[in-house]
N, C-alpha and C. Protein backbone atom coordinates (compact mmCIF):
# COMPACT_ATOMS: atom_id res chain seq x y z
N MET A 1 0.85 -1.19 0.00
CA MET A 1 0.00 0.00 0.00
C MET A 1 0.89 1.24 0.00
N PRO A 2 0.58 2.25 -0.79
CA PRO A 2 1.40 3.47 -0.82
C PRO A 2 1.13 4.36 0.39
N PHE A 3 1.98 5.36 0.56
CA PHE A 3 1.77 6.33 1.63
C PHE A 3 0.46 7.07 1.40
N SER A 4 -0.19 7.46 2.49
CA SER A 4 -1.40 8.28 2.37
C SER A 4 -1.00 9.67 1.89
N GLU A 5 -1.95 10.39 1.31
CA GLU A 5 -1.68 11.75 0.85
C GLU A 5 -1.29 12.65 2.02
N LYS A 6 -1.87 12.40 3.19
CA LYS A 6 -1.55 13.20 4.37
C LYS A 6 -0.08 13.02 4.76
N ILE A 7 0.39 11.78 4.76
CA ILE A 7 1.79 11.52 5.10
C ILE A 7 2.71 12.11 4.04
N LYS A 8 2.37 11.95 2.77
CA LYS A 8 3.20 12.54 1.71
C LYS A 8 3.34 14.04 1.90
N GLN A 9 2.23 14.69 2.20
CA GLN A 9 2.25 16.14 2.37
C GLN A 9 3.12 16.53 3.57
N LYS A 10 2.98 15.81 4.70
CA LYS A 10 3.78 16.12 5.89
C LYS A 10 5.27 15.95 5.60
N VAL A 11 5.64 14.87 4.90
CA VAL A 11 7.05 14.62 4.58
C VAL A 11 7.59 15.74 3.70
N LYS A 12 6.84 16.14 2.69
CA LYS A 12 7.27 17.21 1.80
C LYS A 12 7.40 18.53 2.55
N GLU A 13 6.45 18.83 3.44
CA GLU A 13 6.50 20.06 4.21
C GLU A 13 7.71 20.08 5.13
N HIS A 14 7.96 18.95 5.83
CA HIS A 14 9.13 18.88 6.72
C HIS A 14 10.42 19.15 5.96
N ALA A 15 10.47 18.75 4.70
CA ALA A 15 11.68 18.91 3.89
C ALA A 15 11.66 20.19 3.05
N HIS A 16 10.67 21.03 3.30
CA HIS A 16 10.51 22.27 2.52
C HIS A 16 10.46 21.98 1.03
N PHE A 17 9.85 20.85 0.69
CA PHE A 17 9.61 20.43 -0.68
C PHE A 17 10.91 20.26 -1.48
N LYS A 18 11.96 19.82 -0.79
CA LYS A 18 13.24 19.56 -1.46
C LYS A 18 13.71 18.16 -1.14
N CYS A 19 14.56 17.66 -2.00
CA CYS A 19 15.16 16.34 -1.82
C CYS A 19 16.06 16.38 -0.58
N CYS A 20 15.97 15.35 0.26
CA CYS A 20 16.76 15.34 1.49
C CYS A 20 18.23 14.97 1.25
N VAL A 21 18.56 14.53 0.05
CA VAL A 21 19.95 14.17 -0.24
C VAL A 21 20.65 15.32 -0.97
N CYS A 22 20.17 15.70 -2.14
CA CYS A 22 20.85 16.76 -2.91
C CYS A 22 20.34 18.15 -2.56
N ARG A 23 19.12 18.25 -2.05
CA ARG A 23 18.49 19.51 -1.63
C ARG A 23 18.32 20.50 -2.77
N LYS A 24 18.34 20.00 -3.98
CA LYS A 24 18.25 20.88 -5.15
C LYS A 24 16.84 20.97 -5.71
N TYR A 25 16.18 19.90 -5.80
CA TYR A 25 14.95 19.84 -6.58
C TYR A 25 13.72 19.98 -5.70
N SER A 26 12.77 20.73 -6.18
CA SER A 26 11.54 20.90 -5.41
C SER A 26 10.48 19.86 -5.80
N ALA A 27 10.69 19.14 -6.89
CA ALA A 27 9.75 18.09 -7.28
C ALA A 27 10.20 16.79 -6.63
N VAL A 28 9.73 16.55 -5.41
CA VAL A 28 10.17 15.37 -4.68
C VAL A 28 9.09 14.30 -4.67
N HIS A 29 9.56 13.08 -4.55
CA HIS A 29 8.69 11.92 -4.40
C HIS A 29 8.92 11.40 -2.99
N VAL A 30 7.90 10.83 -2.40
CA VAL A 30 8.06 10.26 -1.07
C VAL A 30 8.43 8.79 -1.25
N HIS A 31 9.63 8.46 -0.82
CA HIS A 31 10.25 7.16 -1.04
C HIS A 31 10.17 6.30 0.22
N HIS A 32 9.91 5.01 0.05
CA HIS A 32 9.99 4.06 1.16
C HIS A 32 11.47 3.77 1.44
N ILE A 33 11.95 4.11 2.63
CA ILE A 33 13.34 3.82 2.97
C ILE A 33 13.54 2.30 2.97
N ILE A 34 12.69 1.60 3.67
CA ILE A 34 12.66 0.14 3.60
C ILE A 34 11.45 -0.21 2.73
N PRO A 35 11.69 -0.82 1.57
CA PRO A 35 10.58 -1.12 0.66
C PRO A 35 9.53 -2.03 1.29
N GLN A 36 8.34 -1.90 0.79
CA GLN A 36 7.25 -2.74 1.28
C GLN A 36 7.57 -4.22 1.08
N ALA A 37 8.26 -4.54 0.01
CA ALA A 37 8.63 -5.93 -0.26
C ALA A 37 9.53 -6.50 0.84
N ASP A 38 10.24 -5.61 1.55
CA ASP A 38 11.11 -6.03 2.65
C ASP A 38 10.46 -5.72 4.00
N SER A 39 9.14 -5.70 4.04
CA SER A 39 8.35 -5.44 5.26
C SER A 39 8.42 -4.00 5.73
N GLY A 40 8.70 -3.06 4.83
CA GLY A 40 8.68 -1.64 5.18
C GLY A 40 7.24 -1.16 5.34
N THR A 41 7.04 -0.26 6.28
CA THR A 41 5.68 0.23 6.58
C THR A 41 5.36 1.47 5.74
N ASP A 42 4.11 1.85 5.80
CA ASP A 42 3.64 3.08 5.15
C ASP A 42 3.51 4.20 6.18
N GLU A 43 4.35 4.15 7.19
CA GLU A 43 4.35 5.16 8.24
C GLU A 43 5.32 6.27 7.87
N GLU A 44 5.15 7.42 8.50
CA GLU A 44 5.98 8.59 8.22
C GLU A 44 7.46 8.33 8.51
N ASP A 45 7.76 7.51 9.52
CA ASP A 45 9.15 7.23 9.88
C ASP A 45 9.89 6.46 8.79
N ASN A 46 9.16 5.82 7.89
CA ASN A 46 9.78 5.05 6.80
C ASN A 46 9.79 5.84 5.49
N ALA A 47 9.46 7.10 5.56
CA ALA A 47 9.34 7.92 4.36
C ALA A 47 10.49 8.91 4.26
N ALA A 48 10.95 9.13 3.02
CA ALA A 48 12.00 10.12 2.78
C ALA A 48 11.69 10.85 1.47
N PRO A 49 11.85 12.18 1.47
CA PRO A 49 11.63 12.95 0.25
C PRO A 49 12.87 12.90 -0.65
N LEU A 50 12.72 12.31 -1.83
CA LEU A 50 13.83 12.19 -2.78
C LEU A 50 13.40 12.72 -4.14
N CYS A 51 14.33 13.39 -4.82
CA CYS A 51 14.07 13.78 -6.21
C CYS A 51 14.23 12.54 -7.08
N ALA A 52 13.82 12.64 -8.32
CA ALA A 52 13.90 11.49 -9.23
C ALA A 52 15.34 11.02 -9.41
N ASN A 53 16.30 11.94 -9.50
CA ASN A 53 17.71 11.56 -9.69
C ASN A 53 18.24 10.78 -8.50
N CYS A 54 18.01 11.31 -7.28
CA CYS A 54 18.52 10.62 -6.08
C CYS A 54 17.78 9.30 -5.86
N HIS A 55 16.51 9.28 -6.19
CA HIS A 55 15.75 8.03 -6.06
C HIS A 55 16.33 6.96 -6.98
N ASP A 56 16.62 7.34 -8.23
CA ASP A 56 17.21 6.37 -9.17
C ASP A 56 18.60 5.92 -8.71
N LEU A 57 19.37 6.85 -8.16
CA LEU A 57 20.74 6.56 -7.75
C LEU A 57 20.80 5.72 -6.46
N LEU A 58 19.92 6.03 -5.49
CA LEU A 58 20.03 5.44 -4.16
C LEU A 58 18.86 4.53 -3.76
N GLY A 59 17.71 4.78 -4.32
CA GLY A 59 16.49 4.16 -3.84
C GLY A 59 16.48 2.64 -3.82
N GLY A 60 17.06 2.00 -4.80
CA GLY A 60 17.02 0.55 -4.86
C GLY A 60 18.19 -0.14 -4.19
N ASN A 61 19.06 0.62 -3.53
CA ASN A 61 20.27 0.05 -2.93
C ASN A 61 20.05 -0.13 -1.42
N PRO A 62 19.93 -1.40 -0.96
CA PRO A 62 19.69 -1.65 0.47
C PRO A 62 20.80 -1.12 1.37
N GLU A 63 22.01 -0.99 0.83
CA GLU A 63 23.12 -0.48 1.64
C GLU A 63 23.01 1.02 1.89
N LYS A 64 22.14 1.71 1.17
CA LYS A 64 22.01 3.16 1.28
C LYS A 64 20.82 3.57 2.16
N ARG A 65 20.12 2.63 2.76
CA ARG A 65 18.94 2.96 3.58
C ARG A 65 19.30 3.85 4.76
N LYS A 66 20.37 3.48 5.47
CA LYS A 66 20.79 4.29 6.61
C LYS A 66 21.23 5.67 6.14
N PHE A 67 21.92 5.74 5.03
CA PHE A 67 22.35 7.02 4.46
C PHE A 67 21.13 7.90 4.16
N ILE A 68 20.11 7.33 3.55
CA ILE A 68 18.90 8.09 3.22
C ILE A 68 18.22 8.57 4.50
N LYS A 69 18.07 7.68 5.49
CA LYS A 69 17.40 8.05 6.75
C LYS A 69 18.19 9.13 7.47
N ASP A 70 19.51 8.99 7.54
CA ASP A 70 20.33 10.01 8.21
C ASP A 70 20.24 11.35 7.50
N ASN A 71 20.27 11.33 6.18
CA ASN A 71 20.13 12.58 5.42
C ASN A 71 18.77 13.20 5.63
N ARG A 72 17.74 12.37 5.67
CA ARG A 72 16.38 12.89 5.91
C ARG A 72 16.32 13.58 7.27
N ASP A 73 16.80 12.90 8.30
CA ASP A 73 16.74 13.47 9.65
C ASP A 73 17.57 14.76 9.74
N PHE A 74 18.75 14.77 9.13
CA PHE A 74 19.58 15.97 9.12
C PHE A 74 18.87 17.12 8.39
N TRP A 75 18.29 16.82 7.22
CA TRP A 75 17.62 17.86 6.44
C TRP A 75 16.39 18.39 7.17
N TYR A 76 15.63 17.51 7.81
CA TYR A 76 14.49 17.97 8.61
C TYR A 76 14.95 18.95 9.69
N ALA A 77 16.05 18.62 10.37
CA ALA A 77 16.57 19.49 11.43
C ALA A 77 17.01 20.84 10.85
N MET A 78 17.65 20.81 9.69
CA MET A 78 18.08 22.06 9.04
C MET A 78 16.87 22.92 8.67
N CYS A 79 15.86 22.28 8.12
CA CYS A 79 14.65 23.02 7.73
C CYS A 79 13.97 23.62 8.95
N GLU A 80 13.94 22.88 10.04
CA GLU A 80 13.31 23.38 11.27
C GLU A 80 14.08 24.56 11.83
N LYS A 81 15.41 24.53 11.75
CA LYS A 81 16.22 25.65 12.23
C LYS A 81 16.04 26.88 11.34
N GLN A 82 15.98 26.64 10.04
CA GLN A 82 15.88 27.75 9.09
C GLN A 82 14.53 28.44 9.21
N TYR A 83 13.48 27.66 9.23
CA TYR A 83 12.12 28.19 9.32
C TYR A 83 11.35 27.37 10.33
N PRO A 84 11.47 27.70 11.62
CA PRO A 84 10.77 26.91 12.64
C PRO A 84 9.27 26.93 12.40
N ALA A 85 8.69 25.77 12.55
CA ALA A 85 7.25 25.64 12.33
C ALA A 85 6.51 25.89 13.63
N ASP A 86 5.96 27.06 13.77
CA ASP A 86 5.13 27.38 14.92
C ASP A 86 3.69 27.24 14.44
N TYR A 87 3.15 26.04 14.57
CA TYR A 87 1.84 25.76 14.01
C TYR A 87 0.74 26.59 14.67
N ARG A 88 0.91 26.94 15.95
CA ARG A 88 -0.07 27.79 16.61
C ARG A 88 -0.09 29.17 15.95
N MET A 89 1.11 29.72 15.69
CA MET A 89 1.20 31.03 15.06
C MET A 89 0.64 30.97 13.63
N ILE A 90 0.96 29.91 12.91
CA ILE A 90 0.46 29.76 11.55
C ILE A 90 -1.06 29.69 11.56
N HIS A 91 -1.62 28.95 12.51
CA HIS A 91 -3.07 28.85 12.62
C HIS A 91 -3.69 30.21 12.92
N GLU A 92 -3.08 30.96 13.85
CA GLU A 92 -3.59 32.30 14.17
C GLU A 92 -3.52 33.24 12.97
N MET A 93 -2.42 33.18 12.21
CA MET A 93 -2.30 34.01 11.02
C MET A 93 -3.37 33.63 10.00
N HIS A 94 -3.59 32.35 9.83
CA HIS A 94 -4.61 31.87 8.90
C HIS A 94 -5.99 32.38 9.31
N GLU A 95 -6.30 32.27 10.60
CA GLU A 95 -7.59 32.75 11.09
C GLU A 95 -7.74 34.25 10.85
N HIS A 96 -6.68 35.02 11.13
CA HIS A 96 -6.72 36.46 10.94
C HIS A 96 -6.93 36.81 9.46
N LEU A 97 -6.19 36.15 8.59
CA LEU A 97 -6.30 36.45 7.16
C LEU A 97 -7.66 36.07 6.61
N CYS A 98 -8.23 35.00 7.11
CA CYS A 98 -9.55 34.58 6.62
C CYS A 98 -10.64 35.58 7.00
N LYS A 99 -10.47 36.28 8.13
CA LYS A 99 -11.45 37.27 8.54
C LYS A 99 -11.44 38.48 7.62
N GLU A 100 -10.28 38.80 7.07
CA GLU A 100 -10.11 40.03 6.30
C GLU A 100 -10.27 39.84 4.79
N VAL A 101 -10.74 38.68 4.36
CA VAL A 101 -10.84 38.40 2.93
C VAL A 101 -11.98 39.20 2.31
N VAL A 102 -11.69 39.83 1.20
CA VAL A 102 -12.68 40.57 0.45
C VAL A 102 -13.36 39.60 -0.51
N THR A 103 -14.68 39.61 -0.52
CA THR A 103 -15.42 38.70 -1.38
C THR A 103 -15.69 39.36 -2.74
N LYS A 104 -16.15 38.57 -3.69
CA LYS A 104 -16.51 39.08 -5.00
C LYS A 104 -17.64 40.09 -4.87
N THR A 105 -18.58 39.84 -3.98
CA THR A 105 -19.69 40.78 -3.76
C THR A 105 -19.16 42.11 -3.25
N ASP A 106 -18.18 42.06 -2.33
CA ASP A 106 -17.57 43.31 -1.84
C ASP A 106 -16.96 44.10 -2.99
N LEU A 107 -16.22 43.42 -3.86
CA LEU A 107 -15.60 44.10 -4.99
C LEU A 107 -16.64 44.64 -5.96
N ASP A 108 -17.67 43.84 -6.25
CA ASP A 108 -18.73 44.30 -7.14
C ASP A 108 -19.39 45.56 -6.58
N ASN A 109 -19.68 45.55 -5.28
CA ASN A 109 -20.31 46.72 -4.66
C ASN A 109 -19.38 47.93 -4.69
N ALA A 110 -18.10 47.69 -4.50
CA ALA A 110 -17.14 48.80 -4.53
C ALA A 110 -16.99 49.37 -5.92
N LEU A 111 -17.12 48.54 -6.94
CA LEU A 111 -16.90 48.99 -8.31
C LEU A 111 -18.15 49.58 -8.96
N LYS A 112 -19.32 49.38 -8.38
CA LYS A 112 -20.56 49.94 -8.94
C LYS A 112 -20.47 51.45 -9.17
N PRO A 113 -20.00 52.22 -8.17
CA PRO A 113 -19.91 53.67 -8.41
C PRO A 113 -18.98 54.02 -9.58
N LEU A 114 -17.89 53.28 -9.73
CA LEU A 114 -16.99 53.54 -10.86
C LEU A 114 -17.70 53.31 -12.19
N TYR A 115 -18.39 52.20 -12.28
CA TYR A 115 -19.11 51.89 -13.51
C TYR A 115 -20.15 52.97 -13.81
N GLU A 116 -20.88 53.39 -12.79
CA GLU A 116 -21.91 54.41 -12.99
C GLU A 116 -21.30 55.75 -13.42
N ILE A 117 -20.15 56.08 -12.87
CA ILE A 117 -19.49 57.34 -13.26
C ILE A 117 -19.01 57.27 -14.70
N ILE A 118 -18.40 56.14 -15.05
CA ILE A 118 -17.86 55.99 -16.40
C ILE A 118 -18.97 56.02 -17.45
N THR A 119 -20.11 55.46 -17.12
CA THR A 119 -21.20 55.39 -18.10
C THR A 119 -22.12 56.61 -18.03
N ASN A 120 -21.89 57.53 -17.13
CA ASN A 120 -22.72 58.72 -17.00
C ASN A 120 -22.30 59.74 -18.06
N LYS A 121 -23.13 59.92 -19.07
CA LYS A 121 -22.81 60.81 -20.19
C LYS A 121 -22.99 62.29 -19.84
N SER A 122 -23.71 62.58 -18.73
CA SER A 122 -23.95 63.98 -18.39
C SER A 122 -22.76 64.64 -17.70
N LEU A 123 -21.80 63.84 -17.24
CA LEU A 123 -20.63 64.42 -16.59
C LEU A 123 -19.56 64.76 -17.63
N SER A 124 -18.86 65.85 -17.40
CA SER A 124 -17.74 66.20 -18.28
C SER A 124 -16.58 65.24 -17.99
N HIS A 125 -15.62 65.24 -18.87
CA HIS A 125 -14.45 64.37 -18.71
C HIS A 125 -13.73 64.66 -17.39
N SER A 126 -13.54 65.93 -17.07
CA SER A 126 -12.83 66.30 -15.83
C SER A 126 -13.66 65.91 -14.60
N GLU A 127 -14.99 66.01 -14.69
CA GLU A 127 -15.83 65.58 -13.57
C GLU A 127 -15.74 64.06 -13.38
N GLN A 128 -15.72 63.33 -14.49
CA GLN A 128 -15.59 61.87 -14.39
C GLN A 128 -14.26 61.50 -13.72
N ILE A 129 -13.19 62.16 -14.14
CA ILE A 129 -11.88 61.87 -13.56
C ILE A 129 -11.87 62.18 -12.07
N GLN A 130 -12.46 63.30 -11.67
CA GLN A 130 -12.51 63.66 -10.25
C GLN A 130 -13.31 62.63 -9.46
N HIS A 131 -14.48 62.22 -9.99
CA HIS A 131 -15.31 61.22 -9.30
C HIS A 131 -14.60 59.87 -9.23
N ILE A 132 -13.93 59.49 -10.32
CA ILE A 132 -13.19 58.22 -10.33
C ILE A 132 -12.08 58.27 -9.27
N SER A 133 -11.41 59.40 -9.18
CA SER A 133 -10.36 59.56 -8.17
C SER A 133 -10.93 59.44 -6.76
N ASP A 134 -12.09 60.05 -6.53
CA ASP A 134 -12.73 59.98 -5.21
C ASP A 134 -13.14 58.55 -4.86
N VAL A 135 -13.73 57.86 -5.85
CA VAL A 135 -14.18 56.49 -5.61
C VAL A 135 -12.98 55.57 -5.38
N THR A 136 -11.91 55.75 -6.14
CA THR A 136 -10.71 54.94 -5.97
C THR A 136 -10.13 55.14 -4.57
N ALA A 137 -10.10 56.39 -4.11
CA ALA A 137 -9.61 56.67 -2.75
C ALA A 137 -10.51 56.00 -1.72
N ALA A 138 -11.82 56.04 -1.96
CA ALA A 138 -12.76 55.40 -1.04
C ALA A 138 -12.56 53.90 -1.00
N ILE A 139 -12.31 53.29 -2.15
CA ILE A 139 -12.06 51.85 -2.20
C ILE A 139 -10.78 51.52 -1.43
N SER A 140 -9.74 52.31 -1.63
CA SER A 140 -8.48 52.08 -0.90
C SER A 140 -8.70 52.17 0.60
N ASP A 141 -9.42 53.18 1.04
CA ASP A 141 -9.70 53.32 2.47
C ASP A 141 -10.54 52.16 2.99
N ALA A 142 -11.50 51.72 2.19
CA ALA A 142 -12.35 50.61 2.61
C ALA A 142 -11.57 49.32 2.73
N ILE A 143 -10.55 49.14 1.88
CA ILE A 143 -9.71 47.95 1.98
C ILE A 143 -8.89 48.00 3.26
N ILE A 144 -8.38 49.18 3.59
CA ILE A 144 -7.58 49.34 4.80
C ILE A 144 -8.45 49.18 6.04
N GLU A 145 -9.65 49.71 6.01
CA GLU A 145 -10.57 49.64 7.14
C GLU A 145 -11.91 49.11 6.62
N PRO A 146 -12.06 47.75 6.50
CA PRO A 146 -13.21 47.17 5.82
C PRO A 146 -14.56 47.35 6.53
N SER A 147 -14.60 47.84 7.77
CA SER A 147 -15.87 47.99 8.46
C SER A 147 -16.54 49.33 8.17
N ILE A 148 -15.94 50.15 7.32
CA ILE A 148 -16.53 51.45 7.03
C ILE A 148 -16.70 51.64 5.52
N ASN A 149 -17.62 52.50 5.17
CA ASN A 149 -17.76 53.00 3.80
C ASN A 149 -17.25 54.43 3.81
N ILE A 150 -16.73 54.86 2.70
CA ILE A 150 -16.34 56.26 2.54
C ILE A 150 -17.09 56.77 1.33
N CYS A 151 -17.86 57.78 1.55
CA CYS A 151 -18.69 58.32 0.48
C CYS A 151 -17.80 58.94 -0.60
N PRO A 152 -17.95 58.48 -1.85
CA PRO A 152 -17.14 59.06 -2.92
C PRO A 152 -17.60 60.47 -3.30
N ASP A 153 -18.78 60.87 -2.82
CA ASP A 153 -19.31 62.18 -3.17
C ASP A 153 -18.82 63.25 -2.19
N CYS A 154 -18.91 62.96 -0.87
CA CYS A 154 -18.52 63.98 0.11
C CYS A 154 -17.36 63.56 1.00
N GLY A 155 -16.93 62.29 0.91
CA GLY A 155 -15.80 61.82 1.69
C GLY A 155 -16.13 61.43 3.12
N PHE A 156 -17.39 61.46 3.51
CA PHE A 156 -17.80 61.12 4.87
C PHE A 156 -17.64 59.62 5.12
N ARG A 157 -17.12 59.26 6.29
CA ARG A 157 -16.97 57.85 6.68
C ARG A 157 -18.22 57.42 7.43
N TYR A 158 -18.77 56.26 7.03
CA TYR A 158 -19.96 55.77 7.72
C TYR A 158 -19.95 54.25 7.74
N ASP A 159 -20.77 53.69 8.62
CA ASP A 159 -20.80 52.25 8.84
C ASP A 159 -21.16 51.51 7.56
N ILE A 160 -20.52 50.38 7.36
CA ILE A 160 -20.72 49.60 6.13
C ILE A 160 -22.14 49.06 6.00
N ASN A 161 -22.84 48.95 7.13
CA ASN A 161 -24.22 48.42 7.09
C ASN A 161 -25.24 49.45 6.60
N GLU A 162 -24.85 50.72 6.54
CA GLU A 162 -25.75 51.75 6.03
C GLU A 162 -25.67 51.77 4.51
N SER A 163 -26.83 51.87 3.86
CA SER A 163 -26.85 51.82 2.40
C SER A 163 -26.60 53.17 1.74
N THR A 164 -26.83 54.26 2.47
CA THR A 164 -26.59 55.60 1.91
C THR A 164 -25.75 56.42 2.89
N CYS A 165 -25.09 57.40 2.36
CA CYS A 165 -24.27 58.28 3.19
C CYS A 165 -25.18 59.14 4.07
N PRO A 166 -24.97 59.16 5.38
CA PRO A 166 -25.82 59.97 6.26
C PRO A 166 -25.68 61.47 6.04
N ARG A 167 -24.53 61.91 5.50
CA ARG A 167 -24.32 63.34 5.31
C ARG A 167 -24.98 63.85 4.02
N CYS A 168 -24.76 63.14 2.89
CA CYS A 168 -25.24 63.69 1.61
C CYS A 168 -26.23 62.77 0.90
N SER A 169 -26.55 61.64 1.51
CA SER A 169 -27.50 60.66 0.95
C SER A 169 -26.99 59.99 -0.31
N TRP A 170 -25.70 59.99 -0.53
CA TRP A 170 -25.16 59.28 -1.69
C TRP A 170 -25.45 57.80 -1.52
N PRO A 171 -25.87 57.02 -2.48
CA PRO A 171 -25.96 57.30 -3.90
C PRO A 171 -27.32 57.85 -4.34
N ASP A 172 -28.24 58.05 -3.38
CA ASP A 172 -29.58 58.54 -3.75
C ASP A 172 -29.55 59.96 -4.30
N ASN A 173 -28.54 60.74 -3.99
CA ASN A 173 -28.48 62.15 -4.42
C ASN A 173 -27.90 62.33 -5.82
N ARG A 174 -27.49 61.26 -6.48
CA ARG A 174 -26.79 61.38 -7.76
C ARG A 174 -27.67 61.97 -8.85
N TYR A 175 -28.95 61.83 -8.73
CA TYR A 175 -29.83 62.26 -9.82
C TYR A 175 -30.58 63.54 -9.49
N ASP A 176 -30.11 64.25 -8.43
CA ASP A 176 -30.76 65.52 -8.06
C ASP A 176 -30.38 66.63 -9.01
């Protein structure tokens, strides 16, 4: 039975996706140090990340098993020293980043004013450019502080849950 995908992924991550012998190639295969035919297990301790070249050179040689295992353990230690895996910190970063993700709906809503300005034939070219500049600034501010809207008409900051600007009633005032 081959290694599970979970074990393959863990082995590759521990080795920073490089061969544990030559450390050159990022396309690694997870190799059985002791082959299954010789009663080798499909456990992580029997797995080593090898590139195709090192696998061809060393993989079938029973005298090189200790060499492969020692290189794997050494390379794992080097990778851990270079980039220590603080899984708690990684999890916290992941949670933080997931909270701040902008959705397609957010982008569509942010771009609606731009589209309306561009397609508004009653505005002069300079007025369109000024409005586009205001909306672009509002989008930038909204990305930095996603819980607020910034009115592209008057620049007032207001809660994202409000549909119109409390100061100037934008976008309802556009047709006045």
